[in-house]
Amino acid sequence: MTKLISWQEFEEMDVAAQQEALAAIGKAVGETAVFQHTTDMLSYHNQLAPLIHLLQTATTQLQSSNNASEWQQQTVTALLMDTLIFQYLESNPTDSATAPPELITALQAIVPVEVEELNRYLAHLSGYTQYQWELAHLAEHPPQNMAALMIEFLAFAQKEAGVSYGRSNLIRHLLPTYFVERRTGQLNPRQDLGDLMRSGRPIPKPKPNPHPLAPDSDTLQRFLAKLLNYDPVRPYAAAAVFTLMPTWLHFLQVRHLLTANDANAALYDLAELKPDLHNYFANLAGDDGLGTAVANWPN
């Protein structure tokens, strides 16, 4: 069983010890809980070089394994490629919408890459390309449109709010998942069947929330509870989802997908979650930064 490393422990290691510890976790990529926690932790703190080292080790291990699932290989590969791209974008290149030869070579070593497609992705991710969205394009949360919107959010968060790509990328897939689960009733309150039969009372209906892209405290609380209680437990992902909500709501305003009044109402509603979340993260051993980030919310 590979040992889980806390952020405090990681910071106290020298570079050689960090690489050795991450190599061990990468070789044990099948131990999902430890691997997920470590990639989340490094992403949250935007430790891109160590994350790349971990993912490269994991990729090599998966390629040599007969038991690795296709989904796991695709997930690790996608995160590795994105992390290489984030590292390039954060190096402040002159033209971040045109991939340099060294980036193309690094990505081609993982999977075949179409250079024109890569440049389009870079232009989108660096904020040069934006779509003119209407709420109707996103109301039913079509995966392709939501994926494109989230790419634009990563660019906005980095340029306008100084949020690193590593941290914002943590919510890139989680936020669309939350909206789909809310829309399909998966986050509605549950009532024990026995209690229902005894009392005859109907299951309470969720709070109405007419805006499809603004979270509400009732369902977001249940979504975060799943991240904090189901295996693998993902405290860094949960912290990123909550603390980036003000940035998300501001992004929607700038893109004319949410009014200022609706954004303020959503923030007021989400504030209900802060005390319990702060209590949880303030008592989470190994990383004081999570509790501090929640304490400073919504700033």
C-alpha atoms as a PDB file:
ATOM      1  CA  MET A   1       0.000   0.000   0.000  1.00  0.00           C
ATOM      2  CA  THR A   2       1.514   3.302  -1.129  1.00  0.00           C
ATOM      3  CA  LYS A   3       1.660   6.034   1.512  1.00  0.00           C
ATOM      4  CA  LEU A   4      -0.487   9.115   0.971  1.00  0.00           C
ATOM      5  CA  ILE A   5       1.596  12.295   1.152  1.00  0.00           C
ATOM      6  CA  SER A   6       0.139  15.462   2.658  1.00  0.00           C
ATOM      7  CA  TRP A   7       0.935  18.892   1.252  1.00  0.00           C
ATOM      8  CA  GLN A   8       2.869  19.758   4.411  1.00  0.00           C
ATOM      9  CA  GLU A   9       5.011  16.644   4.005  1.00  0.00           C
ATOM     10  CA  PHE A  10       5.535  17.338   0.316  1.00  0.00           C
ATOM     11  CA  GLU A  11       6.704  20.906   0.957  1.00  0.00           C
ATOM     12  CA  GLU A  12       9.258  19.706   3.507  1.00  0.00           C
ATOM     13  CA  MET A  13      10.902  17.300   1.034  1.00  0.00           C
ATOM     14  CA  ASP A  14      13.770  18.276  -1.234  1.00  0.00           C
ATOM     15  CA  VAL A  15      13.300  17.834  -4.984  1.00  0.00           C
ATOM     16  CA  ALA A  16      14.944  14.409  -5.076  1.00  0.00           C
ATOM     17  CA  ALA A  17      12.725  13.093  -2.270  1.00  0.00           C
ATOM     18  CA  GLN A  18       9.647  14.550  -3.957  1.00  0.00           C
ATOM     19  CA  GLN A  19      10.457  12.822  -7.224  1.00  0.00           C
ATOM     20  CA  GLU A  20      11.105   9.518  -5.480  1.00  0.00           C
ATOM     21  CA  ALA A  21       7.808   9.689  -3.594  1.00  0.00           C
ATOM     22  CA  LEU A  22       5.857  10.675  -6.717  1.00  0.00           C
ATOM     23  CA  ALA A  23       7.504   7.921  -8.764  1.00  0.00           C
ATOM     24  CA  ALA A  24       6.319   5.376  -6.198  1.00  0.00           C
ATOM     25  CA  ILE A  25       2.762   6.739  -6.397  1.00  0.00           C
ATOM     26  CA  GLY A  26       2.897   6.768 -10.198  1.00  0.00           C
ATOM     27  CA  LYS A  27       4.002   3.129 -10.311  1.00  0.00           C
ATOM     28  CA  ALA A  28       1.091   2.299  -8.001  1.00  0.00           C
ATOM     29  CA  VAL A  29      -1.409   4.162 -10.207  1.00  0.00           C
ATOM     30  CA  GLY A  30      -3.917   1.364  -9.631  1.00  0.00           C
ATOM     31  CA  GLU A  31      -4.298   2.518  -6.007  1.00  0.00           C
ATOM     32  CA  THR A  32      -6.930   5.016  -7.051  1.00  0.00           C
ATOM     33  CA  ALA A  33      -7.419   6.867  -3.765  1.00  0.00           C
ATOM     34  CA  VAL A  34      -3.738   7.763  -3.270  1.00  0.00           C
ATOM     35  CA  PHE A  35      -3.165   8.582  -6.937  1.00  0.00           C
ATOM     36  CA  GLN A  36      -6.305  10.757  -7.179  1.00  0.00           C
ATOM     37  CA  HIS A  37      -5.476  12.599  -3.961  1.00  0.00           C
ATOM     38  CA  THR A  38      -1.943  13.339  -5.150  1.00  0.00           C
ATOM     39  CA  THR A  39      -2.928  14.575  -8.614  1.00  0.00           C
ATOM     40  CA  ASP A  40      -5.653  16.742  -7.047  1.00  0.00           C
ATOM     41  CA  MET A  41      -3.218  18.147  -4.480  1.00  0.00           C
ATOM     42  CA  LEU A  42      -0.549  19.009  -7.048  1.00  0.00           C
ATOM     43  CA  SER A  43      -3.168  20.488  -9.385  1.00  0.00           C
ATOM     44  CA  TYR A  44      -4.688  22.629  -6.625  1.00  0.00           C
ATOM     45  CA  HIS A  45      -1.274  24.054  -5.734  1.00  0.00           C
ATOM     46  CA  ASN A  46      -0.327  24.301  -9.440  1.00  0.00           C
ATOM     47  CA  GLN A  47       2.789  22.174  -8.996  1.00  0.00           C
ATOM     48  CA  LEU A  48       2.985  21.416 -12.706  1.00  0.00           C
ATOM     49  CA  ALA A  49       6.519  20.003 -12.986  1.00  0.00           C
ATOM     50  CA  PRO A  50       6.008  17.453 -10.152  1.00  0.00           C
ATOM     51  CA  LEU A  51       2.574  16.609 -11.562  1.00  0.00           C
ATOM     52  CA  ILE A  52       4.096  15.941 -14.987  1.00  0.00           C
ATOM     53  CA  HIS A  53       6.710  13.671 -13.378  1.00  0.00           C
ATOM     54  CA  LEU A  54       3.974  11.733 -11.577  1.00  0.00           C
ATOM     55  CA  LEU A  55       1.786  11.407 -14.678  1.00  0.00           C
ATOM     56  CA  GLN A  56       4.663  10.346 -16.922  1.00  0.00           C
ATOM     57  CA  THR A  57       5.536   7.585 -14.453  1.00  0.00           C
ATOM     58  CA  ALA A  58       1.889   6.517 -14.289  1.00  0.00           C
ATOM     59  CA  THR A  59       1.594   6.525 -18.090  1.00  0.00           C
ATOM     60  CA  THR A  60       4.618   4.251 -18.436  1.00  0.00           C
ATOM     61  CA  GLN A  61       3.172   1.929 -15.778  1.00  0.00           C
ATOM     62  CA  LEU A  62      -0.242   1.773 -17.460  1.00  0.00           C
ATOM     63  CA  GLN A  63       1.274   1.073 -20.857  1.00  0.00           C
ATOM     64  CA  SER A  64       3.118  -1.946 -19.459  1.00  0.00           C
ATOM     65  CA  SER A  65       0.131  -3.238 -17.497  1.00  0.00           C
ATOM     66  CA  ASN A  66      -2.280  -5.894 -18.716  1.00  0.00           C
ATOM     67  CA  ASN A  67      -4.943  -4.862 -16.202  1.00  0.00           C
ATOM     68  CA  ALA A  68      -5.199  -1.118 -16.881  1.00  0.00           C
ATOM     69  CA  SER A  69      -8.609   0.033 -18.055  1.00  0.00           C
ATOM     70  CA  GLU A  70      -8.978   2.114 -21.188  1.00  0.00           C
ATOM     71  CA  TRP A  71     -10.793   4.794 -19.170  1.00  0.00           C
ATOM     72  CA  GLN A  72      -7.902   5.079 -16.710  1.00  0.00           C
ATOM     73  CA  GLN A  73      -5.344   5.321 -19.503  1.00  0.00           C
ATOM     74  CA  GLN A  74      -7.362   8.007 -21.273  1.00  0.00           C
ATOM     75  CA  THR A  75      -7.849   9.995 -18.058  1.00  0.00           C
ATOM     76  CA  VAL A  76      -4.159   9.979 -17.143  1.00  0.00           C
ATOM     77  CA  THR A  77      -3.108  10.740 -20.719  1.00  0.00           C
ATOM     78  CA  ALA A  78      -5.512  13.680 -21.019  1.00  0.00           C
ATOM     79  CA  LEU A  79      -4.336  15.168 -17.716  1.00  0.00           C
ATOM     80  CA  LEU A  80      -0.680  14.754 -18.702  1.00  0.00           C
ATOM     81  CA  MET A  81      -1.207  16.492 -22.033  1.00  0.00           C
ATOM     82  CA  ASP A  82      -3.173  19.326 -20.471  1.00  0.00           C
ATOM     83  CA  THR A  83      -0.559  19.793 -17.742  1.00  0.00           C
ATOM     84  CA  LEU A  84       2.187  20.076 -20.374  1.00  0.00           C
ATOM     85  CA  ILE A  85       0.065  22.684 -22.154  1.00  0.00           C
ATOM     86  CA  PHE A  86      -0.628  24.586 -18.916  1.00  0.00           C
ATOM     87  CA  GLN A  87       3.094  24.654 -18.186  1.00  0.00           C
ATOM     88  CA  TYR A  88       3.713  26.122 -21.639  1.00  0.00           C
ATOM     89  CA  LEU A  89       0.964  28.751 -21.303  1.00  0.00           C
ATOM     90  CA  GLU A  90       2.195  29.851 -17.873  1.00  0.00           C
ATOM     91  CA  SER A  91       5.715  30.364 -19.195  1.00  0.00           C
ATOM     92  CA  ASN A  92       4.426  33.616 -20.796  1.00  0.00           C
ATOM     93  CA  PRO A  93       5.280  32.838 -24.419  1.00  0.00           C
ATOM     94  CA  THR A  94       5.102  35.628 -27.013  1.00  0.00           C
ATOM     95  CA  ASP A  95       2.449  33.819 -29.032  1.00  0.00           C
ATOM     96  CA  SER A  96       0.676  31.344 -26.798  1.00  0.00           C
ATOM     97  CA  ALA A  97      -1.780  30.431 -29.569  1.00  0.00           C
ATOM     98  CA  THR A  98       0.940  28.801 -31.673  1.00  0.00           C
ATOM     99  CA  ALA A  99       2.529  25.617 -30.370  1.00  0.00           C
ATOM    100  CA  PRO A 100       6.349  25.653 -30.415  1.00  0.00           C
ATOM    101  CA  PRO A 101       8.268  22.615 -31.711  1.00  0.00           C
ATOM    102  CA  GLU A 102       9.262  21.466 -28.213  1.00  0.00           C
ATOM    103  CA  LEU A 103       5.623  21.322 -27.057  1.00  0.00           C
ATOM    104  CA  ILE A 104       4.554  19.485 -30.193  1.00  0.00           C
ATOM    105  CA  THR A 105       7.375  16.971 -29.677  1.00  0.00           C
ATOM    106  CA  ALA A 106       6.428  16.412 -26.021  1.00  0.00           C
ATOM    107  CA  LEU A 107       2.777  15.812 -26.898  1.00  0.00           C
ATOM    108  CA  GLN A 108       3.567  13.653 -29.926  1.00  0.00           C
ATOM    109  CA  ALA A 109       5.551  11.374 -27.622  1.00  0.00           C
ATOM    110  CA  ILE A 110       2.280  10.584 -25.840  1.00  0.00           C
ATOM    111  CA  VAL A 111      -0.270  10.398 -28.664  1.00  0.00           C
ATOM    112  CA  PRO A 112      -0.429  11.571 -32.295  1.00  0.00           C
ATOM    113  CA  VAL A 113      -1.319  15.272 -32.428  1.00  0.00           C
ATOM    114  CA  GLU A 114      -2.724  17.388 -35.262  1.00  0.00           C
ATOM    115  CA  VAL A 115      -0.830  20.699 -35.080  1.00  0.00           C
ATOM    116  CA  GLU A 116      -3.697  22.828 -36.442  1.00  0.00           C
ATOM    117  CA  GLU A 117      -6.107  21.294 -33.939  1.00  0.00           C
ATOM    118  CA  LEU A 118      -3.585  21.876 -31.136  1.00  0.00           C
ATOM    119  CA  ASN A 119      -3.237  25.543 -32.117  1.00  0.00           C
ATOM    120  CA  ARG A 120      -7.015  25.976 -32.083  1.00  0.00           C
ATOM    121  CA  TYR A 121      -7.094  24.470 -28.607  1.00  0.00           C
ATOM    122  CA  LEU A 122      -4.288  26.777 -27.434  1.00  0.00           C
ATOM    123  CA  ALA A 123      -6.092  29.825 -28.834  1.00  0.00           C
ATOM    124  CA  HIS A 124      -9.245  28.824 -26.955  1.00  0.00           C
ATOM    125  CA  LEU A 125      -7.437  27.977 -23.728  1.00  0.00           C
ATOM    126  CA  SER A 126      -5.393  31.182 -23.732  1.00  0.00           C
ATOM    127  CA  GLY A 127      -8.468  33.348 -24.316  1.00  0.00           C
ATOM    128  CA  TYR A 128      -7.857  34.418 -27.919  1.00  0.00           C
ATOM    129  CA  THR A 129     -10.906  32.502 -29.155  1.00  0.00           C
ATOM    130  CA  GLN A 130     -14.351  32.864 -27.589  1.00  0.00           C
ATOM    131  CA  TYR A 131     -17.790  31.791 -28.710  1.00  0.00           C
ATOM    132  CA  GLN A 132     -20.810  34.087 -28.576  1.00  0.00           C
ATOM    133  CA  TRP A 133     -22.906  32.024 -26.197  1.00  0.00           C
ATOM    134  CA  GLU A 134     -26.618  32.284 -25.592  1.00  0.00           C
ATOM    135  CA  LEU A 135     -28.207  30.657 -22.582  1.00  0.00           C
ATOM    136  CA  ALA A 136     -30.256  28.443 -24.892  1.00  0.00           C
ATOM    137  CA  HIS A 137     -27.003  26.849 -26.083  1.00  0.00           C
ATOM    138  CA  LEU A 138     -26.271  25.687 -22.519  1.00  0.00           C
ATOM    139  CA  ALA A 139     -29.606  25.266 -20.730  1.00  0.00           C
ATOM    140  CA  GLU A 140     -29.736  21.495 -21.195  1.00  0.00           C
ATOM    141  CA  HIS A 141     -25.977  21.213 -20.572  1.00  0.00           C
ATOM    142  CA  PRO A 142     -24.977  19.571 -23.902  1.00  0.00           C
ATOM    143  CA  PRO A 143     -21.530  18.037 -23.274  1.00  0.00           C
ATOM    144  CA  GLN A 144     -19.759  19.614 -26.256  1.00  0.00           C
ATOM    145  CA  ASN A 145     -20.980  23.125 -25.476  1.00  0.00           C
ATOM    146  CA  MET A 146     -20.265  22.803 -21.758  1.00  0.00           C
ATOM    147  CA  ALA A 147     -16.771  21.508 -22.508  1.00  0.00           C
ATOM    148  CA  ALA A 148     -16.072  24.561 -24.680  1.00  0.00           C
ATOM    149  CA  LEU A 149     -17.508  26.921 -22.058  1.00  0.00           C
ATOM    150  CA  MET A 150     -15.296  25.406 -19.372  1.00  0.00           C
ATOM    151  CA  ILE A 151     -12.197  25.926 -21.525  1.00  0.00           C
ATOM    152  CA  GLU A 152     -13.144  29.597 -21.784  1.00  0.00           C
ATOM    153  CA  PHE A 153     -13.607  29.695 -18.010  1.00  0.00           C
ATOM    154  CA  LEU A 154     -10.062  28.400 -17.474  1.00  0.00           C
ATOM    155  CA  ALA A 155      -8.740  31.221 -19.662  1.00  0.00           C
ATOM    156  CA  PHE A 156     -10.888  33.809 -17.862  1.00  0.00           C
ATOM    157  CA  ALA A 157      -9.925  32.573 -14.390  1.00  0.00           C
ATOM    158  CA  GLN A 158      -6.235  32.757 -15.237  1.00  0.00           C
ATOM    159  CA  LYS A 159      -6.283  36.152 -16.942  1.00  0.00           C
ATOM    160  CA  GLU A 160      -8.924  37.995 -14.917  1.00  0.00           C
ATOM    161  CA  ALA A 161      -8.676  36.419 -11.458  1.00  0.00           C
ATOM    162  CA  GLY A 162      -5.115  35.077 -11.361  1.00  0.00           C
ATOM    163  CA  VAL A 163      -6.321  31.510 -10.782  1.00  0.00           C
ATOM    164  CA  SER A 164      -3.798  28.967 -12.005  1.00  0.00           C
ATOM    165  CA  TYR A 165      -4.742  26.538 -14.763  1.00  0.00           C
ATOM    166  CA  GLY A 166      -3.945  23.642 -12.457  1.00  0.00           C
ATOM    167  CA  ARG A 167      -6.487  24.724  -9.850  1.00  0.00           C
ATOM    168  CA  SER A 168      -9.298  25.745 -12.204  1.00  0.00           C
ATOM    169  CA  ASN A 169      -8.837  22.538 -14.191  1.00  0.00           C
ATOM    170  CA  LEU A 170      -9.989  20.623 -11.088  1.00  0.00           C
ATOM    171  CA  ILE A 171     -13.550  21.850 -11.636  1.00  0.00           C
ATOM    172  CA  ARG A 172     -13.507  21.641 -15.423  1.00  0.00           C
ATOM    173  CA  HIS A 173     -15.363  18.324 -15.493  1.00  0.00           C
ATOM    174  CA  LEU A 174     -16.906  18.425 -12.026  1.00  0.00           C
ATOM    175  CA  LEU A 175     -19.003  21.546 -12.573  1.00  0.00           C
ATOM    176  CA  PRO A 176     -20.759  20.224 -15.714  1.00  0.00           C
ATOM    177  CA  THR A 177     -21.322  16.935 -13.861  1.00  0.00           C
ATOM    178  CA  TYR A 178     -22.929  18.844 -10.994  1.00  0.00           C
ATOM    179  CA  PHE A 179     -25.304  20.684 -13.328  1.00  0.00           C
ATOM    180  CA  VAL A 180     -26.345  17.476 -15.082  1.00  0.00           C
ATOM    181  CA  GLU A 181     -26.902  15.666 -11.774  1.00  0.00           C
ATOM    182  CA  ARG A 182     -28.980  18.578 -10.505  1.00  0.00           C
ATOM    183  CA  ARG A 183     -31.049  18.805 -13.682  1.00  0.00           C
ATOM    184  CA  THR A 184     -31.750  15.065 -13.698  1.00  0.00           C
ATOM    185  CA  GLY A 185     -32.764  14.970 -10.028  1.00  0.00           C
ATOM    186  CA  GLN A 186     -29.767  13.021  -8.750  1.00  0.00           C
ATOM    187  CA  LEU A 187     -29.114  15.679  -6.088  1.00  0.00           C
ATOM    188  CA  ASN A 188     -32.683  15.903  -4.856  1.00  0.00           C
ATOM    189  CA  PRO A 189     -33.319  15.138  -1.171  1.00  0.00           C
ATOM    190  CA  ARG A 190     -33.926  11.462  -0.430  1.00  0.00           C
ATOM    191  CA  GLN A 191     -36.478   9.965   1.926  1.00  0.00           C
ATOM    192  CA  ASP A 192     -36.291   6.497   3.427  1.00  0.00           C
ATOM    193  CA  LEU A 193     -38.921   4.255   1.794  1.00  0.00           C
ATOM    194  CA  GLY A 194     -40.012   2.850   5.162  1.00  0.00           C
ATOM    195  CA  ASP A 195     -40.493   6.333   6.554  1.00  0.00           C
ATOM    196  CA  LEU A 196     -42.437   7.316   3.451  1.00  0.00           C
ATOM    197  CA  MET A 197     -44.775   4.333   3.846  1.00  0.00           C
ATOM    198  CA  ARG A 198     -45.281   5.048   7.549  1.00  0.00           C
ATOM    199  CA  SER A 199     -45.877   8.768   7.250  1.00  0.00           C
ATOM    200  CA  GLY A 200     -47.431   8.939   3.821  1.00  0.00           C
ATOM    201  CA  ARG A 201     -45.675  12.266   3.258  1.00  0.00           C
ATOM    202  CA  PRO A 202     -44.250  12.898  -0.208  1.00  0.00           C
ATOM    203  CA  ILE A 203     -40.539  13.358  -0.737  1.00  0.00           C
ATOM    204  CA  PRO A 204     -39.847  17.100  -0.436  1.00  0.00           C
ATOM    205  CA  LYS A 205     -39.293  18.885  -3.703  1.00  0.00           C
ATOM    206  CA  PRO A 206     -35.964  20.637  -4.276  1.00  0.00           C
ATOM    207  CA  LYS A 207     -35.783  24.406  -4.160  1.00  0.00           C
ATOM    208  CA  PRO A 208     -36.678  25.974  -7.501  1.00  0.00           C
ATOM    209  CA  ASN A 209     -33.614  27.244  -9.354  1.00  0.00           C
ATOM    210  CA  PRO A 210     -34.505  28.638 -12.747  1.00  0.00           C
ATOM    211  CA  HIS A 211     -30.985  29.497 -13.873  1.00  0.00           C
ATOM    212  CA  PRO A 212     -29.222  26.456 -15.363  1.00  0.00           C
ATOM    213  CA  LEU A 213     -25.662  27.685 -14.715  1.00  0.00           C
ATOM    214  CA  ALA A 214     -25.961  29.142 -11.199  1.00  0.00           C
ATOM    215  CA  PRO A 215     -25.406  26.640  -8.357  1.00  0.00           C
ATOM    216  CA  ASP A 216     -27.695  26.550  -5.342  1.00  0.00           C
ATOM    217  CA  SER A 217     -26.697  25.701  -1.785  1.00  0.00           C
ATOM    218  CA  ASP A 218     -29.110  22.781  -1.404  1.00  0.00           C
ATOM    219  CA  THR A 219     -27.846  20.655  -4.286  1.00  0.00           C
ATOM    220  CA  LEU A 220     -24.230  21.859  -4.220  1.00  0.00           C
ATOM    221  CA  GLN A 221     -24.040  20.758  -0.593  1.00  0.00           C
ATOM    222  CA  ARG A 222     -25.020  17.224  -1.625  1.00  0.00           C
ATOM    223  CA  PHE A 223     -22.567  17.259  -4.527  1.00  0.00           C
ATOM    224  CA  LEU A 224     -19.693  18.365  -2.285  1.00  0.00           C
ATOM    225  CA  ALA A 225     -20.706  15.770   0.304  1.00  0.00           C
ATOM    226  CA  LYS A 226     -20.189  13.069  -2.316  1.00  0.00           C
ATOM    227  CA  LEU A 227     -16.686  14.379  -3.022  1.00  0.00           C
ATOM    228  CA  LEU A 228     -15.875  14.429   0.691  1.00  0.00           C
ATOM    229  CA  ASN A 229     -17.405  11.095   1.670  1.00  0.00           C
ATOM    230  CA  TYR A 230     -17.258   8.713  -1.287  1.00  0.00           C
ATOM    231  CA  ASP A 231     -14.135   6.791  -2.242  1.00  0.00           C
ATOM    232  CA  PRO A 232     -11.894   8.292  -3.468  1.00  0.00           C
ATOM    233  CA  VAL A 233     -12.305  11.225  -1.094  1.00  0.00           C
ATOM    234  CA  ARG A 234     -11.421  14.447  -2.937  1.00  0.00           C
ATOM    235  CA  PRO A 235     -10.979  17.381  -0.540  1.00  0.00           C
ATOM    236  CA  TYR A 236      -8.952  19.443  -3.010  1.00  0.00           C
ATOM    237  CA  ALA A 237     -11.593  19.093  -5.711  1.00  0.00           C
ATOM    238  CA  ALA A 238     -14.349  20.036  -3.244  1.00  0.00           C
ATOM    239  CA  ALA A 239     -12.385  23.069  -2.051  1.00  0.00           C
ATOM    240  CA  ALA A 240     -11.779  24.171  -5.638  1.00  0.00           C
ATOM    241  CA  VAL A 241     -15.448  23.849  -6.567  1.00  0.00           C
ATOM    242  CA  PHE A 242     -16.612  25.986  -3.633  1.00  0.00           C
ATOM    243  CA  THR A 243     -13.880  28.633  -3.611  1.00  0.00           C
ATOM    244  CA  LEU A 244     -14.071  29.193  -7.380  1.00  0.00           C
ATOM    245  CA  MET A 245     -17.822  29.819  -7.392  1.00  0.00           C
ATOM    246  CA  PRO A 246     -17.434  33.636  -7.156  1.00  0.00           C
ATOM    247  CA  THR A 247     -15.083  33.537 -10.160  1.00  0.00           C
ATOM    248  CA  TRP A 248     -17.506  31.306 -12.060  1.00  0.00           C
ATOM    249  CA  LEU A 249     -20.449  33.628 -11.390  1.00  0.00           C
ATOM    250  CA  HIS A 250     -18.391  36.666 -12.426  1.00  0.00           C
ATOM    251  CA  PHE A 251     -17.385  34.852 -15.625  1.00  0.00           C
ATOM    252  CA  LEU A 252     -21.060  34.212 -16.431  1.00  0.00           C
ATOM    253  CA  GLN A 253     -21.838  37.896 -15.916  1.00  0.00           C
ATOM    254  CA  VAL A 254     -19.029  39.005 -18.222  1.00  0.00           C
ATOM    255  CA  ARG A 255     -20.269  36.583 -20.875  1.00  0.00           C
ATOM    256  CA  HIS A 256     -23.846  37.913 -20.495  1.00  0.00           C
ATOM    257  CA  LEU A 257     -25.155  34.558 -19.284  1.00  0.00           C
ATOM    258  CA  LEU A 258     -26.131  35.774 -15.805  1.00  0.00           C
ATOM    259  CA  THR A 259     -27.378  39.090 -14.449  1.00  0.00           C
ATOM    260  CA  ALA A 260     -25.679  40.863 -11.569  1.00  0.00           C
ATOM    261  CA  ASN A 261     -28.783  40.409  -9.426  1.00  0.00           C
ATOM    262  CA  ASP A 262     -28.847  36.659 -10.062  1.00  0.00           C
ATOM    263  CA  ALA A 263     -25.125  36.396  -9.330  1.00  0.00           C
ATOM    264  CA  ASN A 264     -25.502  38.243  -6.028  1.00  0.00           C
ATOM    265  CA  ALA A 265     -28.487  36.083  -5.089  1.00  0.00           C
ATOM    266  CA  ALA A 266     -26.484  32.921  -5.847  1.00  0.00           C
ATOM    267  CA  LEU A 267     -23.552  34.106  -3.709  1.00  0.00           C
ATOM    268  CA  TYR A 268     -25.890  34.969  -0.848  1.00  0.00           C
ATOM    269  CA  ASP A 269     -27.415  31.502  -1.069  1.00  0.00           C
ATOM    270  CA  LEU A 270     -24.053  29.692  -1.279  1.00  0.00           C
ATOM    271  CA  ALA A 271     -22.821  31.542   1.812  1.00  0.00           C
ATOM    272  CA  GLU A 272     -24.925  29.095   3.834  1.00  0.00           C
ATOM    273  CA  LEU A 273     -22.327  26.419   3.065  1.00  0.00           C
ATOM    274  CA  LYS A 274     -19.309  28.375   4.298  1.00  0.00           C
ATOM    275  CA  PRO A 275     -19.457  27.662   8.071  1.00  0.00           C
ATOM    276  CA  ASP A 276     -19.649  23.866   7.726  1.00  0.00           C
ATOM    277  CA  LEU A 277     -17.069  23.756   4.943  1.00  0.00           C
ATOM    278  CA  HIS A 278     -14.688  25.974   6.882  1.00  0.00           C
ATOM    279  CA  ASN A 279     -15.043  23.745   9.922  1.00  0.00           C
ATOM    280  CA  TYR A 280     -14.258  20.685   7.776  1.00  0.00           C
ATOM    281  CA  PHE A 281     -11.220  22.130   6.016  1.00  0.00           C
ATOM    282  CA  ALA A 282      -9.854  23.933   9.071  1.00  0.00           C
ATOM    283  CA  ASN A 283      -9.662  20.552  10.796  1.00  0.00           C
ATOM    284  CA  LEU A 284      -8.180  18.735   7.811  1.00  0.00           C
ATOM    285  CA  ALA A 285      -4.632  17.762   8.717  1.00  0.00           C
ATOM    286  CA  GLY A 286      -1.756  18.389   6.366  1.00  0.00           C
ATOM    287  CA  ASP A 287      -2.825  21.546   4.502  1.00  0.00           C
ATOM    288  CA  ASP A 288      -3.808  24.767   6.264  1.00  0.00           C
ATOM    289  CA  GLY A 289      -4.301  26.474   2.912  1.00  0.00           C
ATOM    290  CA  LEU A 290      -7.679  24.860   2.277  1.00  0.00           C
ATOM    291  CA  GLY A 291      -9.198  26.194   5.484  1.00  0.00           C
ATOM    292  CA  THR A 292      -7.743  29.634   4.760  1.00  0.00           C
ATOM    293  CA  ALA A 293      -9.168  29.655   1.228  1.00  0.00           C
ATOM    294  CA  VAL A 294     -12.653  28.831   2.504  1.00  0.00           C
ATOM    295  CA  ALA A 295     -12.326  31.400   5.318  1.00  0.00           C
ATOM    296  CA  ASN A 296     -11.528  34.093   2.734  1.00  0.00           C
ATOM    297  CA  TRP A 297     -14.509  33.187   0.541  1.00  0.00           C
ATOM    298  CA  PRO A 298     -15.971  34.935  -1.470  1.00  0.00           C
ATOM    299  CA  ASN A 299     -12.876  37.119  -1.924  1.00  0.00           C
END
